Amino acid sequence: MACPFKADGVPVIPVTSKTRAELLPLREALGLTATPFIAENGAVIGLPPGWCHARLDRPGSGRDGVVIKHPGVDVGFIRARLKVWRERLNVQFTRMGELSVKEVMELTGLDEPRARDARQREE
């Protein structure tokens, strides 16, 4: 499936709540591997080599070869704060990362590969 805007020279930049792992096959299917993407609601920005600064960005080491930028707060800090809120406020909740793949499948209706990708947050 080709992206209609590519023919007009308009860069299509996917912006989604999905994880990078979930977005990778979609970008490949749409032929968008040469354009940046924004994943996890803005917590992850991916820059393909053609969009990187030669001296500031190291080449990406993942399957897609993109450089990853994290403009937000460190995920470790967020997880620590959530732990404190649980204890102080006696609030009960479960982060997706605390669920097993099987539990994600049951709660979301995703198949196993997609449930695994959905749990794969950037660190």
PDB file of N, CA and C in Angstrom:
ATOM      1  N   MET A   1       0.850  -1.164   0.000  1.00  0.00           N
ATOM      2  CA  MET A   1       0.000   0.000   0.000  1.00  0.00           C
ATOM      3  C   MET A   1       0.901   1.234   0.000  1.00  0.00           C
ATOM      4  N   ALA A   2       0.775   2.081  -0.967  1.00  0.00           N
ATOM      5  CA  ALA A   2       1.603   3.277  -1.082  1.00  0.00           C
ATOM      6  C   ALA A   2       0.899   4.479  -0.462  1.00  0.00           C
ATOM      7  N   CYS A   3       1.682   5.402  -0.006  1.00  0.00           N
ATOM      8  CA  CYS A   3       1.146   6.611   0.610  1.00  0.00           C
ATOM      9  C   CYS A   3       0.931   7.667  -0.477  1.00  0.00           C
ATOM     10  N   PRO A   4      -0.273   8.226  -0.624  1.00  0.00           N
ATOM     11  CA  PRO A   4      -0.557   9.148  -1.727  1.00  0.00           C
ATOM     12  C   PRO A   4       0.239  10.448  -1.683  1.00  0.00           C
ATOM     13  N   PHE A   5       0.620  10.927  -0.503  1.00  0.00           N
ATOM     14  CA  PHE A   5       1.318  12.206  -0.406  1.00  0.00           C
ATOM     15  C   PHE A   5       2.778  12.107  -0.842  1.00  0.00           C
ATOM     16  N   LYS A   6       3.355  10.911  -0.804  1.00  0.00           N
ATOM     17  CA  LYS A   6       4.742  10.739  -1.213  1.00  0.00           C
ATOM     18  C   LYS A   6       4.943  11.167  -2.656  1.00  0.00           C
ATOM     19  N   ALA A   7       3.981  10.863  -3.505  1.00  0.00           N
ATOM     20  CA  ALA A   7       4.095  11.204  -4.927  1.00  0.00           C
ATOM     21  C   ALA A   7       4.173  12.713  -5.132  1.00  0.00           C
ATOM     22  N   ASP A   8       3.589  13.474  -4.226  1.00  0.00           N
ATOM     23  CA  ASP A   8       3.610  14.937  -4.322  1.00  0.00           C
ATOM     24  C   ASP A   8       4.824  15.551  -3.629  1.00  0.00           C
ATOM     25  N   GLY A   9       5.711  14.708  -3.075  1.00  0.00           N
ATOM     26  CA  GLY A   9       6.902  15.205  -2.404  1.00  0.00           C
ATOM     27  C   GLY A   9       6.654  15.718  -1.000  1.00  0.00           C
ATOM     28  N   VAL A  10       5.503  15.401  -0.440  1.00  0.00           N
ATOM     29  CA  VAL A  10       5.181  15.839   0.916  1.00  0.00           C
ATOM     30  C   VAL A  10       5.648  14.756   1.886  1.00  0.00           C
ATOM     31  N   PRO A  11       6.542  15.104   2.830  1.00  0.00           N
ATOM     32  CA  PRO A  11       6.964  14.079   3.789  1.00  0.00           C
ATOM     33  C   PRO A  11       5.815  13.730   4.728  1.00  0.00           C
ATOM     34  N   VAL A  12       5.517  12.456   4.839  1.00  0.00           N
ATOM     35  CA  VAL A  12       4.467  11.988   5.733  1.00  0.00           C
ATOM     36  C   VAL A  12       5.145  11.496   6.998  1.00  0.00           C
ATOM     37  N   ILE A  13       4.780  12.108   8.125  1.00  0.00           N
ATOM     38  CA  ILE A  13       5.394  11.789   9.409  1.00  0.00           C
ATOM     39  C   ILE A  13       4.324  11.210  10.319  1.00  0.00           C
ATOM     40  N   PRO A  14       4.346   9.888  10.542  1.00  0.00           N
ATOM     41  CA  PRO A  14       3.351   9.289  11.415  1.00  0.00           C
ATOM     42  C   PRO A  14       3.504   9.777  12.863  1.00  0.00           C
ATOM     43  N   VAL A  15       2.392  10.099  13.475  1.00  0.00           N
ATOM     44  CA  VAL A  15       2.342  10.516  14.877  1.00  0.00           C
ATOM     45  C   VAL A  15       1.290   9.641  15.539  1.00  0.00           C
ATOM     46  N   THR A  16       1.686   8.911  16.590  1.00  0.00           N
ATOM     47  CA  THR A  16       0.786   7.921  17.152  1.00  0.00           C
ATOM     48  C   THR A  16       1.075   7.643  18.620  1.00  0.00           C
ATOM     49  N   SER A  17       0.144   6.997  19.269  1.00  0.00           N
ATOM     50  CA  SER A  17       0.354   6.519  20.638  1.00  0.00           C
ATOM     51  C   SER A  17       1.031   5.159  20.620  1.00  0.00           C
ATOM     52  N   LYS A  18       1.123   4.542  19.472  1.00  0.00           N
ATOM     53  CA  LYS A  18       1.735   3.213  19.361  1.00  0.00           C
ATOM     54  C   LYS A  18       3.216   3.266  19.717  1.00  0.00           C
ATOM     55  N   THR A  19       3.759   2.100  20.064  1.00  0.00           N
ATOM     56  CA  THR A  19       5.185   2.008  20.336  1.00  0.00           C
ATOM     57  C   THR A  19       5.956   1.963  19.021  1.00  0.00           C
ATOM     58  N   ARG A  20       7.264   2.158  19.128  1.00  0.00           N
ATOM     59  CA  ARG A  20       8.121   2.067  17.942  1.00  0.00           C
ATOM     60  C   ARG A  20       8.005   0.670  17.324  1.00  0.00           C
ATOM     61  N   ALA A  21       7.956  -0.355  18.168  1.00  0.00           N
ATOM     62  CA  ALA A  21       7.845  -1.732  17.673  1.00  0.00           C
ATOM     63  C   ALA A  21       6.550  -1.942  16.900  1.00  0.00           C
ATOM     64  N   GLU A  22       5.457  -1.329  17.359  1.00  0.00           N
ATOM     65  CA  GLU A  22       4.175  -1.453  16.649  1.00  0.00           C
ATOM     66  C   GLU A  22       4.197  -0.665  15.344  1.00  0.00           C
ATOM     67  N   LEU A  23       4.876   0.463  15.359  1.00  0.00           N
ATOM     68  CA  LEU A  23       4.884   1.362  14.208  1.00  0.00           C
ATOM     69  C   LEU A  23       5.787   0.880  13.076  1.00  0.00           C
ATOM     70  N   LEU A  24       6.831   0.135  13.406  1.00  0.00           N
ATOM     71  CA  LEU A  24       7.794  -0.305  12.389  1.00  0.00           C
ATOM     72  C   LEU A  24       7.145  -1.022  11.207  1.00  0.00           C
ATOM     73  N   PRO A  25       6.318  -2.058  11.422  1.00  0.00           N
ATOM     74  CA  PRO A  25       5.718  -2.719  10.254  1.00  0.00           C
ATOM     75  C   PRO A  25       4.765  -1.811   9.473  1.00  0.00           C
ATOM     76  N   LEU A  26       4.108  -0.894  10.155  1.00  0.00           N
ATOM     77  CA  LEU A  26       3.215   0.046   9.464  1.00  0.00           C
ATOM     78  C   LEU A  26       4.017   0.992   8.573  1.00  0.00           C
ATOM     79  N   ARG A  27       5.132   1.505   9.095  1.00  0.00           N
ATOM     80  CA  ARG A  27       5.984   2.393   8.304  1.00  0.00           C
ATOM     81  C   ARG A  27       6.532   1.659   7.084  1.00  0.00           C
ATOM     82  N   GLU A  28       6.938   0.406   7.279  1.00  0.00           N
ATOM     83  CA  GLU A  28       7.454  -0.389   6.160  1.00  0.00           C
ATOM     84  C   GLU A  28       6.370  -0.629   5.115  1.00  0.00           C
ATOM     85  N   ALA A  29       5.164  -0.980   5.567  1.00  0.00           N
ATOM     86  CA  ALA A  29       4.060  -1.254   4.633  1.00  0.00           C
ATOM     87  C   ALA A  29       3.670  -0.015   3.833  1.00  0.00           C
ATOM     88  N   LEU A  30       3.776   1.158   4.458  1.00  0.00           N
ATOM     89  CA  LEU A  30       3.411   2.405   3.779  1.00  0.00           C
ATOM     90  C   LEU A  30       4.578   3.041   3.026  1.00  0.00           C
ATOM     91  N   GLY A  31       5.755   2.443   3.115  1.00  0.00           N
ATOM     92  CA  GLY A  31       6.925   3.011   2.446  1.00  0.00           C
ATOM     93  C   GLY A  31       7.391   4.298   3.093  1.00  0.00           C
ATOM     94  N   LEU A  32       7.267   4.396   4.422  1.00  0.00           N
ATOM     95  CA  LEU A  32       7.625   5.623   5.137  1.00  0.00           C
ATOM     96  C   LEU A  32       8.893   5.476   5.967  1.00  0.00           C
ATOM     97  N   THR A  33       9.773   4.587   5.570  1.00  0.00           N
ATOM     98  CA  THR A  33      10.971   4.357   6.370  1.00  0.00           C
ATOM     99  C   THR A  33      12.003   5.473   6.246  1.00  0.00           C
ATOM    100  N   ALA A  34      11.853   6.349   5.284  1.00  0.00           N
ATOM    101  CA  ALA A  34      12.810   7.443   5.101  1.00  0.00           C
ATOM    102  C   ALA A  34      12.354   8.739   5.769  1.00  0.00           C
ATOM    103  N   THR A  35      11.206   8.721   6.432  1.00  0.00           N
ATOM    104  CA  THR A  35      10.722   9.920   7.114  1.00  0.00           C
ATOM    105  C   THR A  35      10.695   9.691   8.628  1.00  0.00           C
ATOM    106  N   PRO A  36      10.752  10.766   9.398  1.00  0.00           N
ATOM    107  CA  PRO A  36      10.698  10.641  10.859  1.00  0.00           C
ATOM    108  C   PRO A  36       9.343  10.113  11.317  1.00  0.00           C
ATOM    109  N   PHE A  37       9.281   9.774  12.588  1.00  0.00           N
ATOM    110  CA  PHE A  37       8.018   9.385  13.201  1.00  0.00           C
ATOM    111  C   PHE A  37       8.005   9.841  14.654  1.00  0.00           C
ATOM    112  N   ILE A  38       6.808   9.931  15.184  1.00  0.00           N
ATOM    113  CA  ILE A  38       6.621  10.256  16.598  1.00  0.00           C
ATOM    114  C   ILE A  38       5.749   9.159  17.174  1.00  0.00           C
ATOM    115  N   ALA A  39       6.242   8.513  18.227  1.00  0.00           N
ATOM    116  CA  ALA A  39       5.534   7.392  18.835  1.00  0.00           C
ATOM    117  C   ALA A  39       5.315   7.657  20.324  1.00  0.00           C
ATOM    118  N   GLU A  40       4.537   6.787  20.941  1.00  0.00           N
ATOM    119  CA  GLU A  40       4.249   6.845  22.368  1.00  0.00           C
ATOM    120  C   GLU A  40       3.792   8.246  22.807  1.00  0.00           C
ATOM    121  N   ASN A  41       2.886   8.811  22.015  1.00  0.00           N
ATOM    122  CA  ASN A  41       2.310  10.123  22.319  1.00  0.00           C
ATOM    123  C   ASN A  41       3.351  11.221  22.473  1.00  0.00           C
ATOM    124  N   GLY A  42       4.398  11.165  21.675  1.00  0.00           N
ATOM    125  CA  GLY A  42       5.424  12.206  21.704  1.00  0.00           C
ATOM    126  C   GLY A  42       6.623  11.881  22.558  1.00  0.00           C
ATOM    127  N   ALA A  43       6.621  10.767  23.278  1.00  0.00           N
ATOM    128  CA  ALA A  43       7.750  10.404  24.131  1.00  0.00           C
ATOM    129  C   ALA A  43       8.936   9.896  23.323  1.00  0.00           C
ATOM    130  N   VAL A  44       8.702   9.489  22.073  1.00  0.00           N
ATOM    131  CA  VAL A  44       9.752   8.938  21.221  1.00  0.00           C
ATOM    132  C   VAL A  44       9.681   9.618  19.858  1.00  0.00           C
ATOM    133  N   ILE A  45      10.807  10.154  19.431  1.00  0.00           N
ATOM    134  CA  ILE A  45      10.913  10.732  18.090  1.00  0.00           C
ATOM    135  C   ILE A  45      11.995   9.952  17.365  1.00  0.00           C
ATOM    136  N   GLY A  46      11.669   9.420  16.193  1.00  0.00           N
ATOM    137  CA  GLY A  46      12.623   8.653  15.406  1.00  0.00           C
ATOM    138  C   GLY A  46      13.059   9.432  14.185  1.00  0.00           C
ATOM    139  N   LEU A  47      14.367   9.550  14.006  1.00  0.00           N
ATOM    140  CA  LEU A  47      14.924  10.271  12.862  1.00  0.00           C
ATOM    141  C   LEU A  47      15.735   9.324  11.985  1.00  0.00           C
ATOM    142  N   PRO A  48      15.279   9.075  10.756  1.00  0.00           N
ATOM    143  CA  PRO A  48      16.074   8.265   9.821  1.00  0.00           C
ATOM    144  C   PRO A  48      17.372   9.003   9.486  1.00  0.00           C
ATOM    145  N   PRO A  49      18.382   8.290   8.970  1.00  0.00           N
ATOM    146  CA  PRO A  49      19.679   8.915   8.697  1.00  0.00           C
ATOM    147  C   PRO A  49      19.612  10.220   7.900  1.00  0.00           C
ATOM    148  N   GLY A  50      18.750  10.299   6.912  1.00  0.00           N
ATOM    149  CA  GLY A  50      18.655  11.507   6.093  1.00  0.00           C
ATOM    150  C   GLY A  50      18.135  12.729   6.829  1.00  0.00           C
ATOM    151  N   TRP A  51      17.608  12.544   8.016  1.00  0.00           N
ATOM    152  CA  TRP A  51      17.062  13.647   8.808  1.00  0.00           C
ATOM    153  C   TRP A  51      17.944  13.974  10.015  1.00  0.00           C
ATOM    154  N   CYS A  52      19.098  13.349  10.116  1.00  0.00           N
ATOM    155  CA  CYS A  52      19.968  13.521  11.277  1.00  0.00           C
ATOM    156  C   CYS A  52      21.053  14.554  11.018  1.00  0.00           C
ATOM    157  N   HIS A  53      21.533  15.144  12.096  1.00  0.00           N
ATOM    158  CA  HIS A  53      22.659  16.065  12.039  1.00  0.00           C
ATOM    159  C   HIS A  53      23.937  15.223  12.078  1.00  0.00           C
ATOM    160  N   ALA A  54      24.827  15.424  11.137  1.00  0.00           N
ATOM    161  CA  ALA A  54      26.010  14.583  10.988  1.00  0.00           C
ATOM    162  C   ALA A  54      26.883  14.562  12.242  1.00  0.00           C
ATOM    163  N   ARG A  55      26.990  15.678  12.955  1.00  0.00           N
ATOM    164  CA  ARG A  55      27.865  15.717  14.125  1.00  0.00           C
ATOM    165  C   ARG A  55      27.139  15.496  15.448  1.00  0.00           C
ATOM    166  N   LEU A  56      25.839  15.679  15.480  1.00  0.00           N
ATOM    167  CA  LEU A  56      25.109  15.585  16.744  1.00  0.00           C
ATOM    168  C   LEU A  56      24.424  14.245  16.975  1.00  0.00           C
ATOM    169  N   ASP A  57      24.101  13.549  15.908  1.00  0.00           N
ATOM    170  CA  ASP A  57      23.338  12.308  16.037  1.00  0.00           C
ATOM    171  C   ASP A  57      24.171  11.105  15.632  1.00  0.00           C
ATOM    172  N   ARG A  58      24.235  10.122  16.526  1.00  0.00           N
ATOM    173  CA  ARG A  58      24.901   8.856  16.199  1.00  0.00           C
ATOM    174  C   ARG A  58      23.931   7.990  15.419  1.00  0.00           C
ATOM    175  N   PRO A  59      24.446   7.172  14.499  1.00  0.00           N
ATOM    176  CA  PRO A  59      23.542   6.299  13.733  1.00  0.00           C
ATOM    177  C   PRO A  59      22.743   5.386  14.662  1.00  0.00           C
ATOM    178  N   GLY A  60      21.504   5.127  14.281  1.00  0.00           N
ATOM    179  CA  GLY A  60      20.652   4.245  15.066  1.00  0.00           C
ATOM    180  C   GLY A  60      21.123   2.810  14.989  1.00  0.00           C
ATOM    181  N   SER A  61      20.893   2.075  16.058  1.00  0.00           N
ATOM    182  CA  SER A  61      21.371   0.697  16.093  1.00  0.00           C
ATOM    183  C   SER A  61      20.236  -0.321  15.992  1.00  0.00           C
ATOM    184  N   GLY A  62      18.991   0.140  15.942  1.00  0.00           N
ATOM    185  CA  GLY A  62      17.861  -0.780  15.873  1.00  0.00           C
ATOM    186  C   GLY A  62      17.641  -1.318  14.481  1.00  0.00           C
ATOM    187  N   ARG A  63      16.665  -2.183  14.370  1.00  0.00           N
ATOM    188  CA  ARG A  63      16.320  -2.804  13.085  1.00  0.00           C
ATOM    189  C   ARG A  63      16.034  -1.759  12.003  1.00  0.00           C
ATOM    190  N   ASP A  64      15.426  -0.628  12.408  1.00  0.00           N
ATOM    191  CA  ASP A  64      15.058   0.393  11.431  1.00  0.00           C
ATOM    192  C   ASP A  64      16.164   1.422  11.209  1.00  0.00           C
ATOM    193  N   GLY A  65      17.242   1.385  11.994  1.00  0.00           N
ATOM    194  CA  GLY A  65      18.380   2.277  11.790  1.00  0.00           C
ATOM    195  C   GLY A  65      18.141   3.732  12.125  1.00  0.00           C
ATOM    196  N   VAL A  66      17.065   4.051  12.835  1.00  0.00           N
ATOM    197  CA  VAL A  66      16.775   5.447  13.146  1.00  0.00           C
ATOM    198  C   VAL A  66      17.437   5.872  14.450  1.00  0.00           C
ATOM    199  N   VAL A  67      17.671   7.168  14.566  1.00  0.00           N
ATOM    200  CA  VAL A  67      18.155   7.769  15.807  1.00  0.00           C
ATOM    201  C   VAL A  67      16.925   8.095  16.636  1.00  0.00           C
ATOM    202  N   ILE A  68      16.947   7.710  17.901  1.00  0.00           N
ATOM    203  CA  ILE A  68      15.800   7.943  18.769  1.00  0.00           C
ATOM    204  C   ILE A  68      16.078   9.114  19.704  1.00  0.00           C
ATOM    205  N   LYS A  69      15.135  10.021  19.774  1.00  0.00           N
ATOM    206  CA  LYS A  69      15.184  11.169  20.685  1.00  0.00           C
ATOM    207  C   LYS A  69      14.072  10.996  21.712  1.00  0.00           C
ATOM    208  N   HIS A  70      14.378  11.344  22.958  1.00  0.00           N
ATOM    209  CA  HIS A  70      13.393  11.271  24.046  1.00  0.00           C
ATOM    210  C   HIS A  70      13.233  12.678  24.623  1.00  0.00           C
ATOM    211  N   PRO A  71      12.254  13.442  24.128  1.00  0.00           N
ATOM    212  CA  PRO A  71      12.116  14.825  24.581  1.00  0.00           C
ATOM    213  C   PRO A  71      11.488  14.978  25.966  1.00  0.00           C
ATOM    214  N   GLY A  72      10.911  13.916  26.496  1.00  0.00           N
ATOM    215  CA  GLY A  72      10.187  14.035  27.753  1.00  0.00           C
ATOM    216  C   GLY A  72      10.990  13.602  28.962  1.00  0.00           C
ATOM    217  N   VAL A  73      10.279  13.358  30.029  1.00  0.00           N
ATOM    218  CA  VAL A  73      10.846  12.917  31.290  1.00  0.00           C
ATOM    219  C   VAL A  73      11.259  11.456  31.181  1.00  0.00           C
ATOM    220  N   ASP A  74      12.358  11.092  31.818  1.00  0.00           N
ATOM    221  CA  ASP A  74      12.861   9.730  31.820  1.00  0.00           C
ATOM    222  C   ASP A  74      11.809   8.766  32.347  1.00  0.00           C
ATOM    223  N   VAL A  75      11.624   7.635  31.649  1.00  0.00           N
ATOM    224  CA  VAL A  75      10.604   6.661  32.016  1.00  0.00           C
ATOM    225  C   VAL A  75      10.862   6.066  33.397  1.00  0.00           C
ATOM    226  N   GLY A  76      12.119   5.933  33.792  1.00  0.00           N
ATOM    227  CA  GLY A  76      12.434   5.435  35.135  1.00  0.00           C
ATOM    228  C   GLY A  76      11.896   6.363  36.214  1.00  0.00           C
ATOM    229  N   PHE A  77      12.002   7.664  35.977  1.00  0.00           N
ATOM    230  CA  PHE A  77      11.468   8.645  36.919  1.00  0.00           C
ATOM    231  C   PHE A  77       9.948   8.523  37.014  1.00  0.00           C
ATOM    232  N   ILE A  78       9.306   8.379  35.873  1.00  0.00           N
ATOM    233  CA  ILE A  78       7.839   8.255  35.854  1.00  0.00           C
ATOM    234  C   ILE A  78       7.407   7.006  36.612  1.00  0.00           C
ATOM    235  N   ARG A  79       8.086   5.892  36.375  1.00  0.00           N
ATOM    236  CA  ARG A  79       7.733   4.656  37.072  1.00  0.00           C
ATOM    237  C   ARG A  79       7.937   4.789  38.582  1.00  0.00           C
ATOM    238  N   ALA A  80       9.000   5.469  38.981  1.00  0.00           N
ATOM    239  CA  ALA A  80       9.248   5.681  40.414  1.00  0.00           C
ATOM    240  C   ALA A  80       8.138   6.528  41.037  1.00  0.00           C
ATOM    241  N   ARG A  81       7.699   7.561  40.328  1.00  0.00           N
ATOM    242  CA  ARG A  81       6.614   8.418  40.843  1.00  0.00           C
ATOM    243  C   ARG A  81       5.312   7.627  40.956  1.00  0.00           C
ATOM    244  N   LEU A  82       5.027   6.789  39.978  1.00  0.00           N
ATOM    245  CA  LEU A  82       3.813   5.975  40.042  1.00  0.00           C
ATOM    246  C   LEU A  82       3.844   5.043  41.253  1.00  0.00           C
ATOM    247  N   LYS A  83       5.013   4.506  41.541  1.00  0.00           N
ATOM    248  CA  LYS A  83       5.160   3.630  42.713  1.00  0.00           C
ATOM    249  C   LYS A  83       4.863   4.411  43.997  1.00  0.00           C
ATOM    250  N   VAL A  84       5.378   5.620  44.094  1.00  0.00           N
ATOM    251  CA  VAL A  84       5.131   6.463  45.269  1.00  0.00           C
ATOM    252  C   VAL A  84       3.638   6.764  45.397  1.00  0.00           C
ATOM    253  N   TRP A  85       2.986   7.094  44.291  1.00  0.00           N
ATOM    254  CA  TRP A  85       1.549   7.408  44.345  1.00  0.00           C
ATOM    255  C   TRP A  85       0.745   6.201  44.795  1.00  0.00           C
ATOM    256  N   ARG A  86       1.121   5.024  44.309  1.00  0.00           N
ATOM    257  CA  ARG A  86       0.436   3.802  44.739  1.00  0.00           C
ATOM    258  C   ARG A  86       0.488   3.676  46.253  1.00  0.00           C
ATOM    259  N   GLU A  87       1.684   3.855  46.792  1.00  0.00           N
ATOM    260  CA  GLU A  87       1.886   3.669  48.230  1.00  0.00           C
ATOM    261  C   GLU A  87       1.241   4.777  49.057  1.00  0.00           C
ATOM    262  N   ARG A  88       1.470   6.024  48.686  1.00  0.00           N
ATOM    263  CA  ARG A  88       0.949   7.157  49.463  1.00  0.00           C
ATOM    264  C   ARG A  88      -0.559   7.300  49.380  1.00  0.00           C
ATOM    265  N   LEU A  89      -1.076   7.138  48.179  1.00  0.00           N
ATOM    266  CA  LEU A  89      -2.499   7.377  47.957  1.00  0.00           C
ATOM    267  C   LEU A  89      -3.330   6.102  48.002  1.00  0.00           C
ATOM    268  N   ASN A  90      -2.655   4.977  48.159  1.00  0.00           N
ATOM    269  CA  ASN A  90      -3.327   3.681  48.146  1.00  0.00           C
ATOM    270  C   ASN A  90      -4.194   3.517  46.889  1.00  0.00           C
ATOM    271  N   VAL A  91      -3.617   3.925  45.758  1.00  0.00           N
ATOM    272  CA  VAL A  91      -4.301   3.851  44.466  1.00  0.00           C
ATOM    273  C   VAL A  91      -3.921   2.516  43.813  1.00  0.00           C
ATOM    274  N   GLN A  92      -4.903   1.871  43.226  1.00  0.00           N
ATOM    275  CA  GLN A  92      -4.645   0.592  42.578  1.00  0.00           C
ATOM    276  C   GLN A  92      -4.758   0.752  41.065  1.00  0.00           C
ATOM    277  N   PHE A  93      -3.682   0.442  40.374  1.00  0.00           N
ATOM    278  CA  PHE A  93      -3.671   0.441  38.911  1.00  0.00           C
ATOM    279  C   PHE A  93      -2.528  -0.456  38.459  1.00  0.00           C
ATOM    280  N   THR A  94      -2.572  -0.840  37.208  1.00  0.00           N
ATOM    281  CA  THR A  94      -1.536  -1.697  36.637  1.00  0.00           C
ATOM    282  C   THR A  94      -1.053  -1.067  35.341  1.00  0.00           C
ATOM    283  N   ARG A  95       0.257  -0.872  35.261  1.00  0.00           N
ATOM    284  CA  ARG A  95       0.846  -0.377  34.022  1.00  0.00           C
ATOM    285  C   ARG A  95       0.894  -1.528  33.015  1.00  0.00           C
ATOM    286  N   MET A  96       0.811  -1.213  31.717  1.00  0.00           N
ATOM    287  CA  MET A  96       0.854  -2.254  30.703  1.00  0.00           C
ATOM    288  C   MET A  96       2.142  -3.061  30.797  1.00  0.00           C
ATOM    289  N   GLY A  97       3.242  -2.415  31.139  1.00  0.00           N
ATOM    290  CA  GLY A  97       4.512  -3.109  31.268  1.00  0.00           C
ATOM    291  C   GLY A  97       4.540  -4.131  32.391  1.00  0.00           C
ATOM    292  N   GLU A  98       3.589  -4.043  33.304  1.00  0.00           N
ATOM    293  CA  GLU A  98       3.489  -5.002  34.401  1.00  0.00           C
ATOM    294  C   GLU A  98       2.628  -6.209  34.032  1.00  0.00           C
ATOM    295  N   LEU A  99       1.933  -6.105  32.928  1.00  0.00           N
ATOM    296  CA  LEU A  99       1.082  -7.202  32.466  1.00  0.00           C
ATOM    297  C   LEU A  99       1.900  -8.194  31.640  1.00  0.00           C
ATOM    298  N   SER A 100       1.490  -9.431  31.661  1.00  0.00           N
ATOM    299  CA  SER A 100       2.112 -10.425  30.784  1.00  0.00           C
ATOM    300  C   SER A 100       1.570 -10.226  29.361  1.00  0.00           C
ATOM    301  N   VAL A 101       2.228 -10.814  28.400  1.00  0.00           N
ATOM    302  CA  VAL A 101       1.741 -10.745  27.015  1.00  0.00           C
ATOM    303  C   VAL A 101       0.338 -11.338  26.943  1.00  0.00           C
ATOM    304  N   LYS A 102       0.120 -12.432  27.640  1.00  0.00           N
ATOM    305  CA  LYS A 102      -1.201 -13.082  27.638  1.00  0.00           C
ATOM    306  C   LYS A 102      -2.267 -12.143  28.204  1.00  0.00           C
ATOM    307  N   GLU A 103      -1.947 -11.439  29.286  1.00  0.00           N
ATOM    308  CA  GLU A 103      -2.915 -10.499  29.870  1.00  0.00           C
ATOM    309  C   GLU A 103      -3.225  -9.354  28.912  1.00  0.00           C
ATOM    310  N   VAL A 104      -2.198  -8.841  28.219  1.00  0.00           N
ATOM    311  CA  VAL A 104      -2.422  -7.783  27.225  1.00  0.00           C
ATOM    312  C   VAL A 104      -3.330  -8.300  26.116  1.00  0.00           C
ATOM    313  N   MET A 105      -3.094  -9.533  25.681  1.00  0.00           N
ATOM    314  CA  MET A 105      -3.928 -10.141  24.640  1.00  0.00           C
ATOM    315  C   MET A 105      -5.384 -10.215  25.095  1.00  0.00           C
ATOM    316  N   GLU A 106      -5.598 -10.662  26.325  1.00  0.00           N
ATOM    317  CA  GLU A 106      -6.961 -10.807  26.847  1.00  0.00           C
ATOM    318  C   GLU A 106      -7.668  -9.461  26.992  1.00  0.00           C
ATOM    319  N   LEU A 107      -6.940  -8.448  27.455  1.00  0.00           N
ATOM    320  CA  LEU A 107      -7.554  -7.136  27.691  1.00  0.00           C
ATOM    321  C   LEU A 107      -7.774  -6.324  26.417  1.00  0.00           C
ATOM    322  N   THR A 108      -6.938  -6.547  25.404  1.00  0.00           N
ATOM    323  CA  THR A 108      -6.996  -5.709  24.201  1.00  0.00           C
ATOM    324  C   THR A 108      -7.530  -6.404  22.966  1.00  0.00           C
ATOM    325  N   GLY A 109      -7.495  -7.737  22.945  1.00  0.00           N
ATOM    326  CA  GLY A 109      -7.887  -8.469  21.751  1.00  0.00           C
ATOM    327  C   GLY A 109      -6.784  -8.549  20.712  1.00  0.00           C
ATOM    328  N   LEU A 110      -5.565  -8.098  21.056  1.00  0.00           N
ATOM    329  CA  LEU A 110      -4.441  -8.175  20.129  1.00  0.00           C
ATOM    330  C   LEU A 110      -3.930  -9.609  20.047  1.00  0.00           C
ATOM    331  N   ASP A 111      -3.353  -9.973  18.889  1.00  0.00           N
ATOM    332  CA  ASP A 111      -2.712 -11.277  18.796  1.00  0.00           C
ATOM    333  C   ASP A 111      -1.358 -11.198  19.512  1.00  0.00           C
ATOM    334  N   GLU A 112      -0.681 -12.340  19.663  1.00  0.00           N
ATOM    335  CA  GLU A 112       0.548 -12.375  20.468  1.00  0.00           C
ATOM    336  C   GLU A 112       1.653 -11.441  19.969  1.00  0.00           C
ATOM    337  N   PRO A 113       1.987 -11.428  18.660  1.00  0.00           N
ATOM    338  CA  PRO A 113       3.049 -10.507  18.222  1.00  0.00           C
ATOM    339  C   PRO A 113       2.690  -9.037  18.469  1.00  0.00           C
ATOM    340  N   ARG A 114       1.448  -8.674  18.234  1.00  0.00           N
ATOM    341  CA  ARG A 114       1.045  -7.278  18.441  1.00  0.00           C
ATOM    342  C   ARG A 114       1.011  -6.921  19.925  1.00  0.00           C
ATOM    343  N   ALA A 115       0.601  -7.850  20.775  1.00  0.00           N
ATOM    344  CA  ALA A 115       0.594  -7.609  22.219  1.00  0.00           C
ATOM    345  C   ALA A 115       2.027  -7.436  22.718  1.00  0.00           C
ATOM    346  N   ARG A 116       2.943  -8.244  22.203  1.00  0.00           N
ATOM    347  CA  ARG A 116       4.355  -8.124  22.586  1.00  0.00           C
ATOM    348  C   ARG A 116       4.895  -6.757  22.163  1.00  0.00           C
ATOM    349  N   ASP A 117       4.574  -6.333  20.945  1.00  0.00           N
ATOM    350  CA  ASP A 117       5.026  -5.026  20.462  1.00  0.00           C
ATOM    351  C   ASP A 117       4.430  -3.884  21.281  1.00  0.00           C
ATOM    352  N   ALA A 118       3.180  -4.026  21.695  1.00  0.00           N
ATOM    353  CA  ALA A 118       2.513  -2.984  22.478  1.00  0.00           C
ATOM    354  C   ALA A 118       3.174  -2.797  23.844  1.00  0.00           C
ATOM    355  N   ARG A 119       3.766  -3.847  24.381  1.00  0.00           N
ATOM    356  CA  ARG A 119       4.437  -3.772  25.678  1.00  0.00           C
ATOM    357  C   ARG A 119       5.860  -3.222  25.567  1.00  0.00           C
ATOM    358  N   GLN A 120       6.371  -3.096  24.359  1.00  0.00           N
ATOM    359  CA  GLN A 120       7.771  -2.748  24.130  1.00  0.00           C
ATOM    360  C   GLN A 120       7.977  -1.241  24.107  1.00  0.00           C
ATOM    361  N   ARG A 121       7.958  -0.621  25.260  1.00  0.00           N
ATOM    362  CA  ARG A 121       8.174   0.820  25.375  1.00  0.00           C
ATOM    363  C   ARG A 121       9.669   1.132  25.276  1.00  0.00           C
ATOM    364  N   GLU A 122       9.978   2.321  24.783  1.00  0.00           N
ATOM    365  CA  GLU A 122      11.370   2.760  24.737  1.00  0.00           C
ATOM    366  C   GLU A 122      11.818   3.101  26.153  1.00  0.00           C
ATOM    367  N   GLU A 123      13.044   2.813  26.452  1.00  0.00           N
ATOM    368  CA  GLU A 123      13.587   3.095  27.798  1.00  0.00           C
ATOM    369  C   GLU A 123      14.322   4.394  27.805  1.00  0.00           C
TER     370      GLU A 123
END
